[in-house]
Amino acid sequence: MHIGVSLPHHAIGPDPVAIRDWAQAADDLGIDHLIVYEHIILPDPAQHPDEAFRYTTQTVLHEPLTLCGYLAAATRRVGLQTGILVLPVHERVNCGPVHR
């Protein structure tokens, strides 16, 4: 059996040390993979004053590919997985000509 856990973006917040410590603890515990995700459409609490949302436009969420790079450098053996990745919203970086 393989066990994975989702990075708790909203609970950890933007602190890179807290993210590193959490990922290293998961790695040390033998977790097989960490799951990171992105949300591109979030409700604005100002537009819905009578509603409560778990995630809003005020929630700190990290760009998943950059976060995976950081987590890869911070851990030893744990795998990395994206749970939600909306590719069309990510810029395409031109790394040179494409040969076909």
PDB file of N, CA and C in Angstrom:
ATOM      1  N   MET A   1       0.834  -1.153   0.000  1.00  0.00           N
ATOM      2  CA  MET A   1       0.000   0.000   0.000  1.00  0.00           C
ATOM      3  C   MET A   1       0.893   1.235   0.000  1.00  0.00           C
ATOM      4  N   HIS A   2       0.490   2.244  -0.787  1.00  0.00           N
ATOM      5  CA  HIS A   2       1.195   3.512  -0.832  1.00  0.00           C
ATOM      6  C   HIS A   2       0.321   4.568  -0.175  1.00  0.00           C
ATOM      7  N   ILE A   3       0.920   5.361   0.673  1.00  0.00           N
ATOM      8  CA  ILE A   3       0.173   6.387   1.402  1.00  0.00           C
ATOM      9  C   ILE A   3       0.672   7.759   0.987  1.00  0.00           C
ATOM     10  N   GLY A   4      -0.279   8.615   0.602  1.00  0.00           N
ATOM     11  CA  GLY A   4       0.039   9.982   0.242  1.00  0.00           C
ATOM     12  C   GLY A   4      -0.763  10.943   1.086  1.00  0.00           C
ATOM     13  N   VAL A   5      -0.267  12.150   1.220  1.00  0.00           N
ATOM     14  CA  VAL A   5      -0.969  13.188   1.965  1.00  0.00           C
ATOM     15  C   VAL A   5      -0.962  14.477   1.143  1.00  0.00           C
ATOM     16  N   SER A   6      -2.032  15.252   1.291  1.00  0.00           N
ATOM     17  CA  SER A   6      -2.130  16.548   0.622  1.00  0.00           C
ATOM     18  C   SER A   6      -1.468  17.613   1.476  1.00  0.00           C
ATOM     19  N   LEU A   7      -0.707  18.463   0.821  1.00  0.00           N
ATOM     20  CA  LEU A   7      -0.105  19.585   1.521  1.00  0.00           C
ATOM     21  C   LEU A   7      -1.217  20.522   1.998  1.00  0.00           C
ATOM     22  N   PRO A   8      -1.274  20.830   3.274  1.00  0.00           N
ATOM     23  CA  PRO A   8      -2.336  21.707   3.789  1.00  0.00           C
ATOM     24  C   PRO A   8      -2.008  23.182   3.550  1.00  0.00           C
ATOM     25  N   HIS A   9      -2.175  23.618   2.298  1.00  0.00           N
ATOM     26  CA  HIS A   9      -1.830  24.989   1.893  1.00  0.00           C
ATOM     27  C   HIS A   9      -2.363  26.030   2.875  1.00  0.00           C
ATOM     28  N   HIS A  10      -3.656  25.948   3.153  1.00  0.00           N
ATOM     29  CA  HIS A  10      -4.303  26.982   3.969  1.00  0.00           C
ATOM     30  C   HIS A  10      -3.831  26.950   5.412  1.00  0.00           C
ATOM     31  N   ALA A  11      -3.460  25.792   5.932  1.00  0.00           N
ATOM     32  CA  ALA A  11      -3.023  25.681   7.327  1.00  0.00           C
ATOM     33  C   ALA A  11      -1.573  26.125   7.492  1.00  0.00           C
ATOM     34  N   ILE A  12      -0.733  25.821   6.520  1.00  0.00           N
ATOM     35  CA  ILE A  12       0.686  26.176   6.618  1.00  0.00           C
ATOM     36  C   ILE A  12       0.919  27.635   6.259  1.00  0.00           C
ATOM     37  N   GLY A  13       0.239  28.109   5.228  1.00  0.00           N
ATOM     38  CA  GLY A  13       0.446  29.489   4.802  1.00  0.00           C
ATOM     39  C   GLY A  13       1.704  29.653   3.972  1.00  0.00           C
ATOM     40  N   PRO A  14       2.217  30.864   3.861  1.00  0.00           N
ATOM     41  CA  PRO A  14       3.312  31.147   2.942  1.00  0.00           C
ATOM     42  C   PRO A  14       4.721  30.928   3.506  1.00  0.00           C
ATOM     43  N   ASP A  15       4.856  30.514   4.750  1.00  0.00           N
ATOM     44  CA  ASP A  15       6.171  30.392   5.381  1.00  0.00           C
ATOM     45  C   ASP A  15       6.957  29.222   4.776  1.00  0.00           C
ATOM     46  N   PRO A  16       8.060  29.479   4.038  1.00  0.00           N
ATOM     47  CA  PRO A  16       8.808  28.395   3.413  1.00  0.00           C
ATOM     48  C   PRO A  16       9.450  27.446   4.422  1.00  0.00           C
ATOM     49  N   VAL A  17       9.789  27.932   5.589  1.00  0.00           N
ATOM     50  CA  VAL A  17      10.369  27.060   6.618  1.00  0.00           C
ATOM     51  C   VAL A  17       9.318  26.078   7.126  1.00  0.00           C
ATOM     52  N   ALA A  18       8.100  26.553   7.338  1.00  0.00           N
ATOM     53  CA  ALA A  18       7.018  25.673   7.794  1.00  0.00           C
ATOM     54  C   ALA A  18       6.692  24.624   6.726  1.00  0.00           C
ATOM     55  N   ILE A  19       6.708  25.027   5.460  1.00  0.00           N
ATOM     56  CA  ILE A  19       6.454  24.086   4.368  1.00  0.00           C
ATOM     57  C   ILE A  19       7.553  23.029   4.332  1.00  0.00           C
ATOM     58  N   ARG A  20       8.801  23.472   4.430  1.00  0.00           N
ATOM     59  CA  ARG A  20       9.936  22.536   4.425  1.00  0.00           C
ATOM     60  C   ARG A  20       9.848  21.568   5.589  1.00  0.00           C
ATOM     61  N   ASP A  21       9.589  22.101   6.794  1.00  0.00           N
ATOM     62  CA  ASP A  21       9.523  21.248   7.978  1.00  0.00           C
ATOM     63  C   ASP A  21       8.409  20.218   7.864  1.00  0.00           C
ATOM     64  N   TRP A  22       7.255  20.636   7.343  1.00  0.00           N
ATOM     65  CA  TRP A  22       6.124  19.722   7.187  1.00  0.00           C
ATOM     66  C   TRP A  22       6.480  18.615   6.188  1.00  0.00           C
ATOM     67  N   ALA A  23       7.063  18.997   5.056  1.00  0.00           N
ATOM     68  CA  ALA A  23       7.424  18.017   4.029  1.00  0.00           C
ATOM     69  C   ALA A  23       8.495  17.053   4.527  1.00  0.00           C
ATOM     70  N   GLN A  24       9.478  17.563   5.254  1.00  0.00           N
ATOM     71  CA  GLN A  24      10.521  16.692   5.788  1.00  0.00           C
ATOM     72  C   GLN A  24       9.959  15.740   6.842  1.00  0.00           C
ATOM     73  N   ALA A  25       9.012  16.205   7.644  1.00  0.00           N
ATOM     74  CA  ALA A  25       8.382  15.330   8.641  1.00  0.00           C
ATOM     75  C   ALA A  25       7.615  14.214   7.936  1.00  0.00           C
ATOM     76  N   ALA A  26       6.891  14.552   6.868  1.00  0.00           N
ATOM     77  CA  ALA A  26       6.162  13.534   6.112  1.00  0.00           C
ATOM     78  C   ALA A  26       7.140  12.532   5.496  1.00  0.00           C
ATOM     79  N   ASP A  27       8.245  13.029   4.972  1.00  0.00           N
ATOM     80  CA  ASP A  27       9.285  12.180   4.400  1.00  0.00           C
ATOM     81  C   ASP A  27       9.852  11.247   5.466  1.00  0.00           C
ATOM     82  N   ASP A  28      10.168  11.789   6.638  1.00  0.00           N
ATOM     83  CA  ASP A  28      10.727  10.994   7.735  1.00  0.00           C
ATOM     84  C   ASP A  28       9.745   9.945   8.258  1.00  0.00           C
ATOM     85  N   LEU A  29       8.453  10.234   8.166  1.00  0.00           N
ATOM     86  CA  LEU A  29       7.426   9.284   8.617  1.00  0.00           C
ATOM     87  C   LEU A  29       7.199   8.145   7.627  1.00  0.00           C
ATOM     88  N   GLY A  30       7.807   8.238   6.451  1.00  0.00           N
ATOM     89  CA  GLY A  30       7.653   7.185   5.461  1.00  0.00           C
ATOM     90  C   GLY A  30       6.487   7.384   4.499  1.00  0.00           C
ATOM     91  N   ILE A  31       5.913   8.581   4.477  1.00  0.00           N
ATOM     92  CA  ILE A  31       4.852   8.875   3.516  1.00  0.00           C
ATOM     93  C   ILE A  31       5.412   8.672   2.112  1.00  0.00           C
ATOM     94  N   ASP A  32       4.639   8.038   1.231  1.00  0.00           N
ATOM     95  CA  ASP A  32       5.123   7.729  -0.115  1.00  0.00           C
ATOM     96  C   ASP A  32       5.104   8.917  -1.061  1.00  0.00           C
ATOM     97  N   HIS A  33       4.060   9.739  -0.960  1.00  0.00           N
ATOM     98  CA  HIS A  33       4.001  10.892  -1.856  1.00  0.00           C
ATOM     99  C   HIS A  33       3.208  12.036  -1.239  1.00  0.00           C
ATOM    100  N   LEU A  34       3.583  13.234  -1.656  1.00  0.00           N
ATOM    101  CA  LEU A  34       2.903  14.457  -1.246  1.00  0.00           C
ATOM    102  C   LEU A  34       2.086  14.946  -2.430  1.00  0.00           C
ATOM    103  N   ILE A  35       0.872  15.374  -2.164  1.00  0.00           N
ATOM    104  CA  ILE A  35      -0.025  15.847  -3.213  1.00  0.00           C
ATOM    105  C   ILE A  35      -0.195  17.355  -3.071  1.00  0.00           C
ATOM    106  N   VAL A  36       0.075  18.076  -4.144  1.00  0.00           N
ATOM    107  CA  VAL A  36      -0.140  19.523  -4.155  1.00  0.00           C
ATOM    108  C   VAL A  36      -1.194  19.820  -5.214  1.00  0.00           C
ATOM    109  N   TYR A  37      -1.929  20.868  -5.030  1.00  0.00           N
ATOM    110  CA  TYR A  37      -3.031  21.188  -5.927  1.00  0.00           C
ATOM    111  C   TYR A  37      -3.100  22.695  -6.112  1.00  0.00           C
ATOM    112  N   GLU A  38      -3.903  23.100  -7.073  1.00  0.00           N
ATOM    113  CA  GLU A  38      -4.138  24.520  -7.266  1.00  0.00           C
ATOM    114  C   GLU A  38      -5.632  24.753  -7.443  1.00  0.00           C
ATOM    115  N   HIS A  39      -6.051  25.925  -7.083  1.00  0.00           N
ATOM    116  CA  HIS A  39      -7.421  26.371  -7.314  1.00  0.00           C
ATOM    117  C   HIS A  39      -7.317  27.710  -8.027  1.00  0.00           C
ATOM    118  N   ILE A  40      -7.969  27.814  -9.167  1.00  0.00           N
ATOM    119  CA  ILE A  40      -7.872  29.070  -9.917  1.00  0.00           C
ATOM    120  C   ILE A  40      -9.135  29.908  -9.801  1.00  0.00           C
ATOM    121  N   ILE A  41     -10.225  29.317  -9.380  1.00  0.00           N
ATOM    122  CA  ILE A  41     -11.473  30.063  -9.218  1.00  0.00           C
ATOM    123  C   ILE A  41     -11.899  29.923  -7.758  1.00  0.00           C
ATOM    124  N   LEU A  42     -11.807  31.019  -7.035  1.00  0.00           N
ATOM    125  CA  LEU A  42     -12.159  31.036  -5.618  1.00  0.00           C
ATOM    126  C   LEU A  42     -13.177  32.140  -5.371  1.00  0.00           C
ATOM    127  N   PRO A  43     -14.074  31.941  -4.430  1.00  0.00           N
ATOM    128  CA  PRO A  43     -15.075  32.973  -4.146  1.00  0.00           C
ATOM    129  C   PRO A  43     -14.467  34.169  -3.416  1.00  0.00           C
ATOM    130  N   ASP A  44     -14.991  35.343  -3.716  1.00  0.00           N
ATOM    131  CA  ASP A  44     -14.589  36.569  -3.053  1.00  0.00           C
ATOM    132  C   ASP A  44     -15.549  36.799  -1.884  1.00  0.00           C
ATOM    133  N   PRO A  45     -15.063  36.770  -0.645  1.00  0.00           N
ATOM    134  CA  PRO A  45     -15.954  36.923   0.502  1.00  0.00           C
ATOM    135  C   PRO A  45     -16.705  38.257   0.513  1.00  0.00           C
ATOM    136  N   ALA A  46     -16.140  39.286  -0.108  1.00  0.00           N
ATOM    137  CA  ALA A  46     -16.826  40.578  -0.167  1.00  0.00           C
ATOM    138  C   ALA A  46     -18.085  40.499  -1.027  1.00  0.00           C
ATOM    139  N   GLN A  47     -18.089  39.588  -1.978  1.00  0.00           N
ATOM    140  CA  GLN A  47     -19.240  39.420  -2.858  1.00  0.00           C
ATOM    141  C   GLN A  47     -20.316  38.522  -2.246  1.00  0.00           C
ATOM    142  N   HIS A  48     -19.966  37.809  -1.180  1.00  0.00           N
ATOM    143  CA  HIS A  48     -20.886  36.859  -0.538  1.00  0.00           C
ATOM    144  C   HIS A  48     -20.805  37.029   0.980  1.00  0.00           C
ATOM    145  N   PRO A  49     -21.240  38.178   1.507  1.00  0.00           N
ATOM    146  CA  PRO A  49     -21.046  38.460   2.938  1.00  0.00           C
ATOM    147  C   PRO A  49     -21.777  37.512   3.884  1.00  0.00           C
ATOM    148  N   ASP A  50     -22.812  36.851   3.412  1.00  0.00           N
ATOM    149  CA  ASP A  50     -23.578  35.950   4.281  1.00  0.00           C
ATOM    150  C   ASP A  50     -23.166  34.492   4.147  1.00  0.00           C
ATOM    151  N   GLU A  51     -22.128  34.227   3.380  1.00  0.00           N
ATOM    152  CA  GLU A  51     -21.684  32.861   3.139  1.00  0.00           C
ATOM    153  C   GLU A  51     -20.330  32.606   3.800  1.00  0.00           C
ATOM    154  N   ALA A  52     -20.079  31.362   4.130  1.00  0.00           N
ATOM    155  CA  ALA A  52     -18.776  30.951   4.666  1.00  0.00           C
ATOM    156  C   ALA A  52     -18.168  29.951   3.693  1.00  0.00           C
ATOM    157  N   PHE A  53     -16.913  30.190   3.319  1.00  0.00           N
ATOM    158  CA  PHE A  53     -16.211  29.316   2.389  1.00  0.00           C
ATOM    159  C   PHE A  53     -14.910  28.848   3.020  1.00  0.00           C
ATOM    160  N   ARG A  54     -14.548  27.607   2.729  1.00  0.00           N
ATOM    161  CA  ARG A  54     -13.279  27.084   3.252  1.00  0.00           C
ATOM    162  C   ARG A  54     -12.094  27.784   2.584  1.00  0.00           C
ATOM    163  N   TYR A  55     -12.176  27.971   1.284  1.00  0.00           N
ATOM    164  CA  TYR A  55     -11.133  28.661   0.529  1.00  0.00           C
ATOM    165  C   TYR A  55     -11.749  29.896  -0.114  1.00  0.00           C
ATOM    166  N   THR A  56     -11.029  31.011  -0.086  1.00  0.00           N
ATOM    167  CA  THR A  56     -11.496  32.241  -0.716  1.00  0.00           C
ATOM    168  C   THR A  56     -10.341  32.882  -1.478  1.00  0.00           C
ATOM    169  N   THR A  57     -10.598  34.028  -2.055  1.00  0.00           N
ATOM    170  CA  THR A  57      -9.541  34.771  -2.750  1.00  0.00           C
ATOM    171  C   THR A  57      -8.449  35.217  -1.782  1.00  0.00           C
ATOM    172  N   GLN A  58      -8.705  35.121  -0.489  1.00  0.00           N
ATOM    173  CA  GLN A  58      -7.716  35.498   0.530  1.00  0.00           C
ATOM    174  C   GLN A  58      -6.841  34.314   0.969  1.00  0.00           C
ATOM    175  N   THR A  59      -7.166  33.108   0.525  1.00  0.00           N
ATOM    176  CA  THR A  59      -6.433  31.911   0.915  1.00  0.00           C
ATOM    177  C   THR A  59      -5.082  31.870   0.203  1.00  0.00           C
ATOM    178  N   VAL A  60      -4.025  31.564   0.934  1.00  0.00           N
ATOM    179  CA  VAL A  60      -2.698  31.425   0.347  1.00  0.00           C
ATOM    180  C   VAL A  60      -2.597  30.036  -0.286  1.00  0.00           C
ATOM    181  N   LEU A  61      -2.439  30.012  -1.598  1.00  0.00           N
ATOM    182  CA  LEU A  61      -2.223  28.765  -2.328  1.00  0.00           C
ATOM    183  C   LEU A  61      -0.967  28.956  -3.176  1.00  0.00           C
ATOM    184  N   HIS A  62      -0.123  27.967  -3.200  1.00  0.00           N
ATOM    185  CA  HIS A  62       1.151  28.066  -3.903  1.00  0.00           C
ATOM    186  C   HIS A  62       1.023  27.520  -5.320  1.00  0.00           C
ATOM    187  N   GLU A  63       1.806  28.073  -6.235  1.00  0.00           N
ATOM    188  CA  GLU A  63       1.838  27.564  -7.598  1.00  0.00           C
ATOM    189  C   GLU A  63       2.427  26.161  -7.532  1.00  0.00           C
ATOM    190  N   PRO A  64       1.698  25.141  -8.019  1.00  0.00           N
ATOM    191  CA  PRO A  64       2.085  23.751  -7.750  1.00  0.00           C
ATOM    192  C   PRO A  64       3.411  23.301  -8.352  1.00  0.00           C
ATOM    193  N   LEU A  65       3.762  23.753  -9.540  1.00  0.00           N
ATOM    194  CA  LEU A  65       5.011  23.290 -10.138  1.00  0.00           C
ATOM    195  C   LEU A  65       6.223  23.876  -9.424  1.00  0.00           C
ATOM    196  N   THR A  66       6.144  25.131  -9.050  1.00  0.00           N
ATOM    197  CA  THR A  66       7.220  25.748  -8.277  1.00  0.00           C
ATOM    198  C   THR A  66       7.322  25.083  -6.913  1.00  0.00           C
ATOM    199  N   LEU A  67       6.182  24.829  -6.297  1.00  0.00           N
ATOM    200  CA  LEU A  67       6.163  24.172  -4.992  1.00  0.00           C
ATOM    201  C   LEU A  67       6.769  22.777  -5.076  1.00  0.00           C
ATOM    202  N   CYS A  68       6.468  22.035  -6.134  1.00  0.00           N
ATOM    203  CA  CYS A  68       7.059  20.693  -6.291  1.00  0.00           C
ATOM    204  C   CYS A  68       8.579  20.778  -6.418  1.00  0.00           C
ATOM    205  N   GLY A  69       9.076  21.787  -7.112  1.00  0.00           N
ATOM    206  CA  GLY A  69      10.525  21.976  -7.205  1.00  0.00           C
ATOM    207  C   GLY A  69      11.138  22.229  -5.844  1.00  0.00           C
ATOM    208  N   TYR A  70      10.478  23.075  -5.060  1.00  0.00           N
ATOM    209  CA  TYR A  70      10.957  23.371  -3.704  1.00  0.00           C
ATOM    210  C   TYR A  70      10.920  22.114  -2.831  1.00  0.00           C
ATOM    211  N   LEU A  71       9.815  21.370  -2.915  1.00  0.00           N
ATOM    212  CA  LEU A  71       9.685  20.159  -2.106  1.00  0.00           C
ATOM    213  C   LEU A  71      10.696  19.095  -2.520  1.00  0.00           C
ATOM    214  N   ALA A  72      10.993  19.016  -3.806  1.00  0.00           N
ATOM    215  CA  ALA A  72      11.994  18.046  -4.275  1.00  0.00           C
ATOM    216  C   ALA A  72      13.360  18.346  -3.678  1.00  0.00           C
ATOM    217  N   ALA A  73      13.683  19.632  -3.559  1.00  0.00           N
ATOM    218  CA  ALA A  73      14.969  20.019  -2.984  1.00  0.00           C
ATOM    219  C   ALA A  73      14.996  19.842  -1.471  1.00  0.00           C
ATOM    220  N   ALA A  74      13.833  19.892  -0.835  1.00  0.00           N
ATOM    221  CA  ALA A  74      13.772  19.854   0.626  1.00  0.00           C
ATOM    222  C   ALA A  74      13.620  18.453   1.199  1.00  0.00           C
ATOM    223  N   THR A  75      13.301  17.464   0.367  1.00  0.00           N
ATOM    224  CA  THR A  75      13.049  16.104   0.859  1.00  0.00           C
ATOM    225  C   THR A  75      14.039  15.130   0.242  1.00  0.00           C
ATOM    226  N   ARG A  76      14.054  13.911   0.799  1.00  0.00           N
ATOM    227  CA  ARG A  76      15.012  12.902   0.338  1.00  0.00           C
ATOM    228  C   ARG A  76      14.385  11.858  -0.578  1.00  0.00           C
ATOM    229  N   ARG A  77      13.223  11.316  -0.234  1.00  0.00           N
ATOM    230  CA  ARG A  77      12.717  10.152  -0.939  1.00  0.00           C
ATOM    231  C   ARG A  77      11.243  10.212  -1.308  1.00  0.00           C
ATOM    232  N   VAL A  78      10.515  11.117  -0.720  1.00  0.00           N
ATOM    233  CA  VAL A  78       9.078  11.163  -0.944  1.00  0.00           C
ATOM    234  C   VAL A  78       8.774  11.583  -2.391  1.00  0.00           C
ATOM    235  N   GLY A  79       7.742  10.968  -2.972  1.00  0.00           N
ATOM    236  CA  GLY A  79       7.317  11.332  -4.320  1.00  0.00           C
ATOM    237  C   GLY A  79       6.432  12.572  -4.300  1.00  0.00           C
ATOM    238  N   LEU A  80       6.284  13.196  -5.443  1.00  0.00           N
ATOM    239  CA  LEU A  80       5.470  14.405  -5.558  1.00  0.00           C
ATOM    240  C   LEU A  80       4.402  14.191  -6.620  1.00  0.00           C
ATOM    241  N   GLN A  81       3.212  14.688  -6.342  1.00  0.00           N
ATOM    242  CA  GLN A  81       2.088  14.497  -7.241  1.00  0.00           C
ATOM    243  C   GLN A  81       1.225  15.753  -7.242  1.00  0.00           C
ATOM    244  N   THR A  82       0.733  16.126  -8.402  1.00  0.00           N
ATOM    245  CA  THR A  82      -0.247  17.207  -8.443  1.00  0.00           C
ATOM    246  C   THR A  82      -1.629  16.580  -8.394  1.00  0.00           C
ATOM    247  N   GLY A  83      -2.502  17.157  -7.569  1.00  0.00           N
ATOM    248  CA  GLY A  83      -3.868  16.667  -7.479  1.00  0.00           C
ATOM    249  C   GLY A  83      -4.749  17.375  -8.495  1.00  0.00           C
ATOM    250  N   ILE A  84      -4.546  18.647  -8.640  1.00  0.00           N
ATOM    251  CA  ILE A  84      -5.247  19.458  -9.633  1.00  0.00           C
ATOM    252  C   ILE A  84      -4.199  20.359 -10.255  1.00  0.00           C
ATOM    253  N   LEU A  85      -4.144  20.354 -11.561  1.00  0.00           N
ATOM    254  CA  LEU A  85      -3.210  21.221 -12.274  1.00  0.00           C
ATOM    255  C   LEU A  85      -3.908  21.674 -13.551  1.00  0.00           C
ATOM    256  N   VAL A  86      -4.160  22.950 -13.674  1.00  0.00           N
ATOM    257  CA  VAL A  86      -4.851  23.507 -14.829  1.00  0.00           C
ATOM    258  C   VAL A  86      -3.777  24.071 -15.757  1.00  0.00           C
ATOM    259  N   LEU A  87      -3.304  23.251 -16.679  1.00  0.00           N
ATOM    260  CA  LEU A  87      -2.165  23.613 -17.519  1.00  0.00           C
ATOM    261  C   LEU A  87      -2.364  24.877 -18.351  1.00  0.00           C
ATOM    262  N   PRO A  88      -3.534  25.152 -18.914  1.00  0.00           N
ATOM    263  CA  PRO A  88      -3.647  26.355 -19.752  1.00  0.00           C
ATOM    264  C   PRO A  88      -3.374  27.669 -19.018  1.00  0.00           C
ATOM    265  N   VAL A  89      -3.427  27.693 -17.699  1.00  0.00           N
ATOM    266  CA  VAL A  89      -3.170  28.947 -16.993  1.00  0.00           C
ATOM    267  C   VAL A  89      -1.691  29.159 -16.695  1.00  0.00           C
ATOM    268  N   HIS A  90      -0.853  28.189 -17.008  1.00  0.00           N
ATOM    269  CA  HIS A  90       0.583  28.315 -16.764  1.00  0.00           C
ATOM    270  C   HIS A  90       1.268  28.809 -18.028  1.00  0.00           C
ATOM    271  N   GLU A  91       2.158  29.781 -17.854  1.00  0.00           N
ATOM    272  CA  GLU A  91       2.864  30.321 -19.008  1.00  0.00           C
ATOM    273  C   GLU A  91       3.749  29.256 -19.637  1.00  0.00           C
ATOM    274  N   ARG A  92       3.775  29.274 -20.932  1.00  0.00           N
ATOM    275  CA  ARG A  92       4.686  28.380 -21.652  1.00  0.00           C
ATOM    276  C   ARG A  92       6.003  29.106 -21.783  1.00  0.00           C
ATOM    277  N   VAL A  93       7.050  28.513 -21.307  1.00  0.00           N
ATOM    278  CA  VAL A  93       8.375  29.116 -21.399  1.00  0.00           C
ATOM    279  C   VAL A  93       9.029  28.596 -22.671  1.00  0.00           C
ATOM    280  N   ASN A  94       9.486  29.511 -23.504  1.00  0.00           N
ATOM    281  CA  ASN A  94      10.131  29.128 -24.744  1.00  0.00           C
ATOM    282  C   ASN A  94      11.585  28.791 -24.442  1.00  0.00           C
ATOM    283  N   CYS A  95      11.912  27.530 -24.557  1.00  0.00           N
ATOM    284  CA  CYS A  95      13.273  27.064 -24.267  1.00  0.00           C
ATOM    285  C   CYS A  95      14.080  26.853 -25.546  1.00  0.00           C
ATOM    286  N   GLY A  96      13.636  27.432 -26.630  1.00  0.00           N
ATOM    287  CA  GLY A  96      14.364  27.272 -27.884  1.00  0.00           C
ATOM    288  C   GLY A  96      13.439  26.695 -28.936  1.00  0.00           C
ATOM    289  N   PRO A  97      13.981  26.486 -30.127  1.00  0.00           N
ATOM    290  CA  PRO A  97      13.154  25.993 -31.221  1.00  0.00           C
ATOM    291  C   PRO A  97      12.711  24.551 -30.988  1.00  0.00           C
ATOM    292  N   VAL A  98      11.537  24.251 -31.505  1.00  0.00           N
ATOM    293  CA  VAL A  98      11.017  22.889 -31.438  1.00  0.00           C
ATOM    294  C   VAL A  98      11.347  22.214 -32.751  1.00  0.00           C
ATOM    295  N   HIS A  99      12.045  21.096 -32.683  1.00  0.00           N
ATOM    296  CA  HIS A  99      12.421  20.349 -33.888  1.00  0.00           C
ATOM    297  C   HIS A  99      11.439  19.207 -34.071  1.00  0.00           C
ATOM    298  N   ARG A 100      10.881  19.136 -35.251  1.00  0.00           N
ATOM    299  CA  ARG A 100       9.913  18.064 -35.547  1.00  0.00           C
ATOM    300  C   ARG A 100      10.416  17.187 -36.649  1.00  0.00           C
TER     301      ARG A 100
END
